[in-house]
All heavy atoms as atom14 arrays in JSON, in Angstrom:
{
  "sequence": "IRQQLLRGFGTAVNKAQVNRARIGFDKANLDFKAHVLDVIQNTENAY",
  "atom14_mask": [
    [1, 1, 1, 1, 1, 1, 1, 1, 0, 0, 0, 0, 0, 0],
    [1, 1, 1, 1, 1, 1, 1, 1, 1, 1, 1, 0, 0, 0],
    [1, 1, 1, 1, 1, 1, 1, 1, 1, 0, 0, 0, 0, 0],
    [1, 1, 1, 1, 1, 1, 1, 1, 1, 0, 0, 0, 0, 0],
    [1, 1, 1, 1, 1, 1, 1, 1, 0, 0, 0, 0, 0, 0],
    [1, 1, 1, 1, 1, 1, 1, 1, 0, 0, 0, 0, 0, 0],
    [1, 1, 1, 1, 1, 1, 1, 1, 1, 1, 1, 0, 0, 0],
    [1, 1, 1, 1, 0, 0, 0, 0, 0, 0, 0, 0, 0, 0],
    [1, 1, 1, 1, 1, 1, 1, 1, 1, 1, 1, 0, 0, 0],
    [1, 1, 1, 1, 0, 0, 0, 0, 0, 0, 0, 0, 0, 0],
    [1, 1, 1, 1, 1, 1, 1, 0, 0, 0, 0, 0, 0, 0],
    [1, 1, 1, 1, 1, 0, 0, 0, 0, 0, 0, 0, 0, 0],
    [1, 1, 1, 1, 1, 1, 1, 0, 0, 0, 0, 0, 0, 0],
    [1, 1, 1, 1, 1, 1, 1, 1, 0, 0, 0, 0, 0, 0],
    [1, 1, 1, 1, 1, 1, 1, 1, 1, 0, 0, 0, 0, 0],
    [1, 1, 1, 1, 1, 0, 0, 0, 0, 0, 0, 0, 0, 0],
    [1, 1, 1, 1, 1, 1, 1, 1, 1, 0, 0, 0, 0, 0],
    [1, 1, 1, 1, 1, 1, 1, 0, 0, 0, 0, 0, 0, 0],
    [1, 1, 1, 1, 1, 1, 1, 1, 0, 0, 0, 0, 0, 0],
    [1, 1, 1, 1, 1, 1, 1, 1, 1, 1, 1, 0, 0, 0],
    [1, 1, 1, 1, 1, 0, 0, 0, 0, 0, 0, 0, 0, 0],
    [1, 1, 1, 1, 1, 1, 1, 1, 1, 1, 1, 0, 0, 0],
    [1, 1, 1, 1, 1, 1, 1, 1, 0, 0, 0, 0, 0, 0],
    [1, 1, 1, 1, 0, 0, 0, 0, 0, 0, 0, 0, 0, 0],
    [1, 1, 1, 1, 1, 1, 1, 1, 1, 1, 1, 0, 0, 0],
    [1, 1, 1, 1, 1, 1, 1, 1, 0, 0, 0, 0, 0, 0],
    [1, 1, 1, 1, 1, 1, 1, 1, 1, 0, 0, 0, 0, 0],
    [1, 1, 1, 1, 1, 0, 0, 0, 0, 0, 0, 0, 0, 0],
    [1, 1, 1, 1, 1, 1, 1, 1, 0, 0, 0, 0, 0, 0],
    [1, 1, 1, 1, 1, 1, 1, 1, 0, 0, 0, 0, 0, 0],
    [1, 1, 1, 1, 1, 1, 1, 1, 0, 0, 0, 0, 0, 0],
    [1, 1, 1, 1, 1, 1, 1, 1, 1, 1, 1, 0, 0, 0],
    [1, 1, 1, 1, 1, 1, 1, 1, 1, 0, 0, 0, 0, 0],
    [1, 1, 1, 1, 1, 0, 0, 0, 0, 0, 0, 0, 0, 0],
    [1, 1, 1, 1, 1, 1, 1, 1, 1, 1, 0, 0, 0, 0],
    [1, 1, 1, 1, 1, 1, 1, 0, 0, 0, 0, 0, 0, 0],
    [1, 1, 1, 1, 1, 1, 1, 1, 0, 0, 0, 0, 0, 0],
    [1, 1, 1, 1, 1, 1, 1, 1, 0, 0, 0, 0, 0, 0],
    [1, 1, 1, 1, 1, 1, 1, 0, 0, 0, 0, 0, 0, 0],
    [1, 1, 1, 1, 1, 1, 1, 1, 0, 0, 0, 0, 0, 0],
    [1, 1, 1, 1, 1, 1, 1, 1, 1, 0, 0, 0, 0, 0],
    [1, 1, 1, 1, 1, 1, 1, 1, 0, 0, 0, 0, 0, 0],
    [1, 1, 1, 1, 1, 1, 1, 0, 0, 0, 0, 0, 0, 0],
    [1, 1, 1, 1, 1, 1, 1, 1, 1, 0, 0, 0, 0, 0],
    [1, 1, 1, 1, 1, 1, 1, 1, 0, 0, 0, 0, 0, 0],
    [1, 1, 1, 1, 1, 0, 0, 0, 0, 0, 0, 0, 0, 0],
    [1, 1, 1, 1, 1, 1, 1, 1, 1, 1, 1, 1, 0, 0]
  ],
  "atom14_positions": [
    [[5.97, -49.51, -1.87], [6.45, -48.27, -1.26], [7.84, -48.01, -1.76], [8.69, -48.91, -1.86], [6.48, -48.38, 0.29], [5.07, -48.66, 0.84], [7.06, -47.1, 0.94], [5.02, -48.89, 2.32], [0.0, 0.0, 0.0], [0.0, 0.0, 0.0], [0.0, 0.0, 0.0], [0.0, 0.0, 0.0], [0.0, 0.0, 0.0], [0.0, 0.0, 0.0]],
    [[8.08, -46.69, -2.08], [9.47, -46.3, -2.5], [9.83, -45.02, -1.77], [9.04, -44.07, -1.7], [9.54, -46.09, -4.0], [10.94, -45.62, -4.49], [11.05, -45.87, -5.97], [11.03, -47.25, -6.29], [12.07, -48.12, -6.19], [13.22, -47.66, -5.76], [11.94, -49.37, -6.48], [0.0, 0.0, 0.0], [0.0, 0.0, 0.0], [0.0, 0.0, 0.0]],
    [[11.03, -45.04, -1.19], [11.51, -43.87, -0.38], [12.8, -43.34, -0.96], [13.73, -44.09, -1.16], [11.71, -44.32, 1.09], [12.3, -43.25, 1.98], [11.42, -42.08, 2.14], [10.26, -42.26, 2.51], [11.86, -40.89, 1.89], [0.0, 0.0, 0.0], [0.0, 0.0, 0.0], [0.0, 0.0, 0.0], [0.0, 0.0, 0.0], [0.0, 0.0, 0.0]],
    [[12.77, -42.04, -1.2], [14.03, -41.36, -1.62], [14.9, -41.18, -0.42], [14.47, -40.73, 0.67], [13.7, -40.0, -2.29], [12.82, -40.12, -3.53], [13.54, -40.79, -4.63], [14.73, -40.8, -4.75], [12.71, -41.43, -5.53], [0.0, 0.0, 0.0], [0.0, 0.0, 0.0], [0.0, 0.0, 0.0], [0.0, 0.0, 0.0], [0.0, 0.0, 0.0]],
    [[16.22, -41.39, -0.58], [17.16, -41.31, 0.52], [18.1, -40.13, 0.37], [18.62, -39.66, 1.41], [17.97, -42.61, 0.62], [17.16, -43.86, 0.85], [18.11, -45.1, 0.94], [16.36, -43.77, 2.15], [0.0, 0.0, 0.0], [0.0, 0.0, 0.0], [0.0, 0.0, 0.0], [0.0, 0.0, 0.0], [0.0, 0.0, 0.0], [0.0, 0.0, 0.0]],
    [[18.36, -39.64, -0.81], [19.26, -38.5, -1.02], [18.49, -37.35, -1.71], [17.95, -36.49, -1.05], [20.48, -38.94, -1.81], [21.42, -39.91, -1.12], [22.57, -40.33, -2.02], [21.95, -39.31, 0.15], [0.0, 0.0, 0.0], [0.0, 0.0, 0.0], [0.0, 0.0, 0.0], [0.0, 0.0, 0.0], [0.0, 0.0, 0.0], [0.0, 0.0, 0.0]],
    [[18.44, -37.35, -3.02], [17.71, -36.28, -3.72], [16.2, -36.49, -3.48], [15.67, -37.6, -3.64], [18.03, -36.35, -5.21], [17.24, -35.33, -5.99], [17.39, -35.47, -7.5], [18.75, -35.24, -7.96], [19.14, -35.16, -9.24], [18.22, -35.33, -10.16], [20.35, -34.88, -9.57], [0.0, 0.0, 0.0], [0.0, 0.0, 0.0], [0.0, 0.0, 0.0]],
    [[15.57, -35.37, -3.12], [14.14, -35.47, -2.91], [13.72, -36.03, -1.53], [12.58, -36.4, -1.35], [0.0, 0.0, 0.0], [0.0, 0.0, 0.0], [0.0, 0.0, 0.0], [0.0, 0.0, 0.0], [0.0, 0.0, 0.0], [0.0, 0.0, 0.0], [0.0, 0.0, 0.0], [0.0, 0.0, 0.0], [0.0, 0.0, 0.0], [0.0, 0.0, 0.0]],
    [[14.7, -36.06, -0.55], [14.36, -36.6, 0.76], [14.03, -35.48, 1.69], [14.66, -34.41, 1.71], [15.57, -37.36, 1.32], [15.4, -37.78, 2.75], [14.6, -38.88, 3.04], [15.97, -37.07, 3.77], [14.42, -39.3, 4.35], [15.72, -37.45, 5.08], [14.99, -38.55, 5.36], [0.0, 0.0, 0.0], [0.0, 0.0, 0.0], [0.0, 0.0, 0.0]],
    [[12.92, -35.64, 2.45], [12.51, -34.65, 3.49], [11.47, -33.7, 3.01], [11.3, -33.42, 1.78], [0.0, 0.0, 0.0], [0.0, 0.0, 0.0], [0.0, 0.0, 0.0], [0.0, 0.0, 0.0], [0.0, 0.0, 0.0], [0.0, 0.0, 0.0], [0.0, 0.0, 0.0], [0.0, 0.0, 0.0], [0.0, 0.0, 0.0], [0.0, 0.0, 0.0]],
    [[10.73, -33.17, 3.97], [9.61, -32.27, 3.67], [10.1, -30.88, 3.21], [9.38, -30.21, 2.43], [8.71, -32.1, 4.9], [9.51, -31.59, 5.99], [8.11, -33.44, 5.32], [0.0, 0.0, 0.0], [0.0, 0.0, 0.0], [0.0, 0.0, 0.0], [0.0, 0.0, 0.0], [0.0, 0.0, 0.0], [0.0, 0.0, 0.0], [0.0, 0.0, 0.0]],
    [[11.3, -30.48, 3.64], [11.75, -29.09, 3.33], [11.88, -28.93, 1.82], [11.4, -27.98, 1.24], [13.06, -28.86, 4.04], [0.0, 0.0, 0.0], [0.0, 0.0, 0.0], [0.0, 0.0, 0.0], [0.0, 0.0, 0.0], [0.0, 0.0, 0.0], [0.0, 0.0, 0.0], [0.0, 0.0, 0.0], [0.0, 0.0, 0.0], [0.0, 0.0, 0.0]],
    [[12.59, -29.85, 1.18], [12.81, -29.68, -0.27], [11.51, -30.0, -1.06], [11.29, -29.42, -2.12], [13.99, -30.58, -0.71], [13.63, -32.05, -0.57], [14.35, -30.26, -2.14], [0.0, 0.0, 0.0], [0.0, 0.0, 0.0], [0.0, 0.0, 0.0], [0.0, 0.0, 0.0], [0.0, 0.0, 0.0], [0.0, 0.0, 0.0], [0.0, 0.0, 0.0]],
    [[10.75, -30.96, -0.59], [9.54, -31.34, -1.37], [8.43, -30.29, -1.25], [7.61, -30.2, -2.13], [9.02, -32.69, -0.91], [9.87, -33.84, -1.4], [9.92, -34.12, -2.59], [10.61, -34.5, -0.48], [0.0, 0.0, 0.0], [0.0, 0.0, 0.0], [0.0, 0.0, 0.0], [0.0, 0.0, 0.0], [0.0, 0.0, 0.0], [0.0, 0.0, 0.0]],
    [[8.41, -29.53, -0.16], [7.41, -28.49, 0.0], [7.92, -27.16, -0.48], [7.22, -26.14, -0.35], [6.98, -28.37, 1.5], [6.23, -29.6, 2.03], [5.74, -29.38, 3.43], [4.56, -28.4, 3.39], [3.93, -28.27, 4.68], [0.0, 0.0, 0.0], [0.0, 0.0, 0.0], [0.0, 0.0, 0.0], [0.0, 0.0, 0.0], [0.0, 0.0, 0.0]],
    [[9.12, -27.13, -1.03], [9.71, -25.82, -1.45], [8.86, -25.17, -2.51], [8.63, -23.94, -2.42], [11.14, -26.04, -1.96], [0.0, 0.0, 0.0], [0.0, 0.0, 0.0], [0.0, 0.0, 0.0], [0.0, 0.0, 0.0], [0.0, 0.0, 0.0], [0.0, 0.0, 0.0], [0.0, 0.0, 0.0], [0.0, 0.0, 0.0], [0.0, 0.0, 0.0]],
    [[8.42, -25.91, -3.51], [7.62, -25.28, -4.56], [6.27, -24.81, -4.06], [5.77, -23.75, -4.5], [7.45, -26.31, -5.72], [8.73, -26.67, -6.43], [9.43, -25.43, -7.03], [8.83, -24.51, -7.51], [10.75, -25.43, -6.93], [0.0, 0.0, 0.0], [0.0, 0.0, 0.0], [0.0, 0.0, 0.0], [0.0, 0.0, 0.0], [0.0, 0.0, 0.0]],
    [[5.67, -25.54, -3.16], [4.4, -25.1, -2.56], [4.59, -23.84, -1.78], [3.85, -22.85, -1.86], [3.78, -26.2, -1.7], [2.49, -25.74, -1.07], [3.5, -27.48, -2.54], [0.0, 0.0, 0.0], [0.0, 0.0, 0.0], [0.0, 0.0, 0.0], [0.0, 0.0, 0.0], [0.0, 0.0, 0.0], [0.0, 0.0, 0.0], [0.0, 0.0, 0.0]],
    [[5.66, -23.83, -0.96], [5.95, -22.62, -0.17], [6.28, -21.44, -1.1], [5.95, -20.32, -0.76], [7.1, -22.9, 0.8], [6.72, -23.87, 1.89], [5.56, -24.0, 2.24], [7.69, -24.61, 2.42], [0.0, 0.0, 0.0], [0.0, 0.0, 0.0], [0.0, 0.0, 0.0], [0.0, 0.0, 0.0], [0.0, 0.0, 0.0], [0.0, 0.0, 0.0]],
    [[6.99, -21.75, -2.14], [7.35, -20.65, -3.08], [6.05, -20.06, -3.69], [5.95, -18.88, -3.9], [8.23, -21.24, -4.18], [8.88, -20.13, -5.04], [9.69, -20.71, -6.2], [10.57, -19.73, -6.78], [10.2, -18.77, -7.59], [8.9, -18.66, -7.93], [11.07, -17.89, -8.08], [0.0, 0.0, 0.0], [0.0, 0.0, 0.0], [0.0, 0.0, 0.0]],
    [[5.1, -20.95, -4.03], [3.84, -20.44, -4.61], [3.05, -19.64, -3.61], [2.43, -18.65, -3.92], [3.03, -21.65, -5.13], [0.0, 0.0, 0.0], [0.0, 0.0, 0.0], [0.0, 0.0, 0.0], [0.0, 0.0, 0.0], [0.0, 0.0, 0.0], [0.0, 0.0, 0.0], [0.0, 0.0, 0.0], [0.0, 0.0, 0.0], [0.0, 0.0, 0.0]],
    [[3.11, -20.07, -2.34], [2.4, -19.31, -1.28], [3.04, -17.95, -1.1], [2.32, -16.94, -0.95], [2.39, -20.1, 0.01], [1.49, -21.31, 0.03], [1.64, -22.12, 1.22], [0.7, -23.29, 1.24], [0.75, -24.3, 2.09], [1.72, -24.32, 3.01], [-0.13, -25.26, 2.02], [0.0, 0.0, 0.0], [0.0, 0.0, 0.0], [0.0, 0.0, 0.0]],
    [[4.33, -17.89, -1.15], [5.01, -16.57, -1.06], [4.66, -15.74, -2.29], [4.46, -14.51, -2.23], [6.53, -16.79, -0.95], [6.9, -17.46, 0.4], [7.29, -15.47, -1.02], [8.35, -17.81, 0.54], [0.0, 0.0, 0.0], [0.0, 0.0, 0.0], [0.0, 0.0, 0.0], [0.0, 0.0, 0.0], [0.0, 0.0, 0.0], [0.0, 0.0, 0.0]],
    [[4.56, -16.42, -3.44], [4.19, -15.69, -4.67], [2.78, -15.14, -4.54], [2.53, -13.99, -5.1], [0.0, 0.0, 0.0], [0.0, 0.0, 0.0], [0.0, 0.0, 0.0], [0.0, 0.0, 0.0], [0.0, 0.0, 0.0], [0.0, 0.0, 0.0], [0.0, 0.0, 0.0], [0.0, 0.0, 0.0], [0.0, 0.0, 0.0], [0.0, 0.0, 0.0]],
    [[1.85, -15.81, -3.84], [0.56, -15.25, -3.65], [0.6, -14.03, -2.77], [-0.07, -13.03, -3.05], [-0.33, -16.33, -3.04], [-1.71, -15.85, -2.69], [-2.59, -15.42, -3.63], [-2.16, -15.89, -1.39], [-3.86, -14.96, -3.36], [-3.42, -15.46, -1.07], [-4.3, -14.97, -2.02], [0.0, 0.0, 0.0], [0.0, 0.0, 0.0], [0.0, 0.0, 0.0]],
    [[1.38, -14.09, -1.68], [1.52, -12.93, -0.82], [2.21, -11.78, -1.61], [1.84, -10.62, -1.46], [2.39, -13.28, 0.39], [1.71, -14.29, 1.32], [0.48, -14.33, 1.3], [2.43, -15.02, 2.03], [0.0, 0.0, 0.0], [0.0, 0.0, 0.0], [0.0, 0.0, 0.0], [0.0, 0.0, 0.0], [0.0, 0.0, 0.0], [0.0, 0.0, 0.0]],
    [[3.18, -12.14, -2.43], [3.87, -11.12, -3.23], [2.88, -10.44, -4.24], [2.93, -9.26, -4.45], [5.04, -11.73, -3.94], [5.92, -10.74, -4.7], [7.12, -11.52, -5.26], [8.04, -10.5, -5.99], [7.39, -9.89, -7.14], [0.0, 0.0, 0.0], [0.0, 0.0, 0.0], [0.0, 0.0, 0.0], [0.0, 0.0, 0.0], [0.0, 0.0, 0.0]],
    [[2.01, -11.24, -4.8], [1.03, -10.69, -5.74], [0.07, -9.74, -5.05], [-0.27, -8.68, -5.59], [0.24, -11.82, -6.41], [0.0, 0.0, 0.0], [0.0, 0.0, 0.0], [0.0, 0.0, 0.0], [0.0, 0.0, 0.0], [0.0, 0.0, 0.0], [0.0, 0.0, 0.0], [0.0, 0.0, 0.0], [0.0, 0.0, 0.0], [0.0, 0.0, 0.0]],
    [[-0.31, -10.06, -3.8], [-1.16, -9.14, -3.07], [-0.39, -7.84, -2.72], [-0.99, -6.76, -2.75], [-1.65, -9.79, -1.77], [-2.78, -10.76, -2.02], [-3.84, -10.39, -2.52], [-2.6, -12.03, -1.71], [0.0, 0.0, 0.0], [0.0, 0.0, 0.0], [0.0, 0.0, 0.0], [0.0, 0.0, 0.0], [0.0, 0.0, 0.0], [0.0, 0.0, 0.0]],
    [[0.88, -7.96, -2.36], [1.68, -6.76, -2.09], [1.86, -5.93, -3.34], [1.78, -4.68, -3.26], [3.05, -7.17, -1.56], [3.06, -7.77, -0.14], [4.43, -8.34, 0.23], [2.65, -6.73, 0.91], [0.0, 0.0, 0.0], [0.0, 0.0, 0.0], [0.0, 0.0, 0.0], [0.0, 0.0, 0.0], [0.0, 0.0, 0.0], [0.0, 0.0, 0.0]],
    [[2.09, -6.55, -4.48], [2.23, -5.78, -5.7], [0.92, -5.09, -6.08], [0.9, -3.96, -6.57], [2.65, -6.71, -6.86], [4.06, -7.25, -6.68], [4.8, -6.67, -5.91], [4.39, -8.29, -7.27], [0.0, 0.0, 0.0], [0.0, 0.0, 0.0], [0.0, 0.0, 0.0], [0.0, 0.0, 0.0], [0.0, 0.0, 0.0], [0.0, 0.0, 0.0]],
    [[-0.22, -5.77, -5.83], [-1.51, -5.14, -6.12], [-1.71, -3.94, -5.16], [-2.24, -2.93, -5.56], [-2.66, -6.17, -5.89], [-4.02, -5.59, -6.07], [-4.47, -5.19, -7.31], [-4.85, -5.45, -5.0], [-5.72, -4.64, -7.48], [-6.11, -4.87, -5.12], [-6.54, -4.47, -6.36], [0.0, 0.0, 0.0], [0.0, 0.0, 0.0], [0.0, 0.0, 0.0]],
    [[-1.29, -4.12, -3.9], [-1.41, -3.01, -2.96], [-0.57, -1.82, -3.42], [-0.95, -0.65, -3.3], [-0.92, -3.49, -1.58], [-1.03, -2.4, -0.51], [-0.59, -2.96, 0.86], [-0.63, -1.89, 1.9], [-0.15, -2.43, 3.24], [0.0, 0.0, 0.0], [0.0, 0.0, 0.0], [0.0, 0.0, 0.0], [0.0, 0.0, 0.0], [0.0, 0.0, 0.0]],
    [[0.63, -2.16, -3.99], [1.51, -1.05, -4.5], [0.82, -0.33, -5.67], [0.87, 0.91, -5.74], [2.84, -1.63, -4.95], [0.0, 0.0, 0.0], [0.0, 0.0, 0.0], [0.0, 0.0, 0.0], [0.0, 0.0, 0.0], [0.0, 0.0, 0.0], [0.0, 0.0, 0.0], [0.0, 0.0, 0.0], [0.0, 0.0, 0.0], [0.0, 0.0, 0.0]],
    [[0.13, -1.07, -6.53], [-0.57, -0.44, -7.63], [-1.75, 0.4, -7.1], [-2.07, 1.48, -7.66], [-1.13, -1.5, -8.57], [-0.05, -2.23, -9.34], [0.9, -1.57, -10.12], [0.24, -3.54, -9.51], [1.69, -2.44, -10.65], [1.34, -3.62, -10.29], [0.0, 0.0, 0.0], [0.0, 0.0, 0.0], [0.0, 0.0, 0.0], [0.0, 0.0, 0.0]],
    [[-2.4, -0.04, -6.05], [-3.47, 0.74, -5.45], [-2.91, 2.06, -4.91], [-3.5, 3.14, -5.09], [-4.16, -0.04, -4.29], [-5.11, 0.88, -3.52], [-4.93, -1.24, -4.87], [0.0, 0.0, 0.0], [0.0, 0.0, 0.0], [0.0, 0.0, 0.0], [0.0, 0.0, 0.0], [0.0, 0.0, 0.0], [0.0, 0.0, 0.0], [0.0, 0.0, 0.0]],
    [[-1.76, 2.0, -4.28], [-1.13, 3.23, -3.77], [-0.76, 4.16, -4.91], [-0.89, 5.37, -4.77], [0.11, 2.89, -2.9], [-0.15, 2.14, -1.62], [1.15, 1.79, -0.94], [-0.97, 2.99, -0.66], [0.0, 0.0, 0.0], [0.0, 0.0, 0.0], [0.0, 0.0, 0.0], [0.0, 0.0, 0.0], [0.0, 0.0, 0.0], [0.0, 0.0, 0.0]],
    [[-0.28, 3.62, -6.02], [0.02, 4.4, -7.17], [-1.21, 5.13, -7.73], [-1.17, 6.31, -8.08], [0.68, 3.56, -8.27], [2.05, 3.09, -7.91], [2.73, 3.77, -7.04], [2.55, 2.13, -8.47], [0.0, 0.0, 0.0], [0.0, 0.0, 0.0], [0.0, 0.0, 0.0], [0.0, 0.0, 0.0], [0.0, 0.0, 0.0], [0.0, 0.0, 0.0]],
    [[-2.31, 4.37, -7.78], [-3.55, 4.97, -8.3], [-4.06, 6.04, -7.36], [-4.54, 7.12, -7.81], [-4.63, 3.86, -8.51], [-5.99, 4.48, -8.75], [-4.27, 2.96, -9.65], [0.0, 0.0, 0.0], [0.0, 0.0, 0.0], [0.0, 0.0, 0.0], [0.0, 0.0, 0.0], [0.0, 0.0, 0.0], [0.0, 0.0, 0.0], [0.0, 0.0, 0.0]],
    [[-3.93, 5.83, -6.03], [-4.34, 6.85, -5.09], [-3.47, 8.1, -5.25], [-4.02, 9.24, -5.3], [-4.22, 6.3, -3.65], [-5.29, 5.23, -3.38], [-4.4, 7.41, -2.63], [-5.17, 4.55, -2.05], [0.0, 0.0, 0.0], [0.0, 0.0, 0.0], [0.0, 0.0, 0.0], [0.0, 0.0, 0.0], [0.0, 0.0, 0.0], [0.0, 0.0, 0.0]],
    [[-2.18, 7.95, -5.38], [-1.3, 9.11, -5.57], [-1.62, 9.83, -6.87], [-1.7, 11.05, -6.9], [0.16, 8.65, -5.56], [1.14, 9.82, -5.71], [2.62, 9.33, -5.79], [2.87, 8.16, -5.96], [3.51, 10.27, -5.65], [0.0, 0.0, 0.0], [0.0, 0.0, 0.0], [0.0, 0.0, 0.0], [0.0, 0.0, 0.0], [0.0, 0.0, 0.0]],
    [[-1.82, 9.09, -7.95], [-2.11, 9.74, -9.25], [-3.46, 10.46, -9.2], [-3.61, 11.51, -9.77], [-2.13, 8.67, -10.34], [-0.76, 8.07, -10.6], [0.24, 8.71, -10.3], [-0.74, 6.88, -11.14], [0.0, 0.0, 0.0], [0.0, 0.0, 0.0], [0.0, 0.0, 0.0], [0.0, 0.0, 0.0], [0.0, 0.0, 0.0], [0.0, 0.0, 0.0]],
    [[-4.43, 9.87, -8.49], [-5.73, 10.47, -8.36], [-5.66, 11.77, -7.55], [-6.24, 12.78, -7.88], [-6.75, 9.5, -7.74], [-6.81, 8.34, -8.52], [-8.15, 10.15, -7.67], [0.0, 0.0, 0.0], [0.0, 0.0, 0.0], [0.0, 0.0, 0.0], [0.0, 0.0, 0.0], [0.0, 0.0, 0.0], [0.0, 0.0, 0.0], [0.0, 0.0, 0.0]],
    [[-4.89, 11.74, -6.45], [-4.72, 12.96, -5.64], [-4.09, 14.05, -6.45], [-4.53, 15.19, -6.39], [-3.9, 12.59, -4.39], [-4.59, 11.72, -3.4], [-3.65, 11.27, -2.23], [-2.47, 10.95, -2.5], [-4.11, 11.26, -1.07], [0.0, 0.0, 0.0], [0.0, 0.0, 0.0], [0.0, 0.0, 0.0], [0.0, 0.0, 0.0], [0.0, 0.0, 0.0]],
    [[-2.98, 13.69, -7.14], [-2.35, 14.74, -7.95], [-3.22, 15.28, -9.04], [-3.23, 16.48, -9.35], [-1.04, 14.2, -8.54], [0.05, 13.99, -7.48], [0.11, 14.73, -6.51], [0.91, 13.01, -7.71], [0.0, 0.0, 0.0], [0.0, 0.0, 0.0], [0.0, 0.0, 0.0], [0.0, 0.0, 0.0], [0.0, 0.0, 0.0], [0.0, 0.0, 0.0]],
    [[-3.98, 14.39, -9.68], [-4.93, 14.81, -10.73], [-6.02, 15.76, -10.19], [-6.4, 16.69, -10.81], [-5.52, 13.63, -11.44], [0.0, 0.0, 0.0], [0.0, 0.0, 0.0], [0.0, 0.0, 0.0], [0.0, 0.0, 0.0], [0.0, 0.0, 0.0], [0.0, 0.0, 0.0], [0.0, 0.0, 0.0], [0.0, 0.0, 0.0], [0.0, 0.0, 0.0]],
    [[-6.48, 15.41, -8.98], [-7.51, 16.27, -8.34], [-6.95, 17.63, -8.06], [-7.58, 18.66, -8.35], [-7.93, 15.57, -7.07], [-9.04, 16.27, -6.33], [-10.39, 15.93, -6.58], [-8.79, 17.23, -5.36], [-11.42, 16.56, -5.91], [-9.86, 17.9, -4.69], [-11.17, 17.57, -4.95], [-12.15, 18.17, -4.29], [0.0, 0.0, 0.0], [0.0, 0.0, 0.0]]
  ]
}
């Protein structure tokens, strides 16, 4: 068993990259939603 005591200690810093990726997934869905809104607006104007 090996335990980090300073750098790399605790769940907050070790889960940071996982949490960042989860936020990135939410962000990707929001960006896709923004593109959907753009397509809707462009389609309305084209109609």
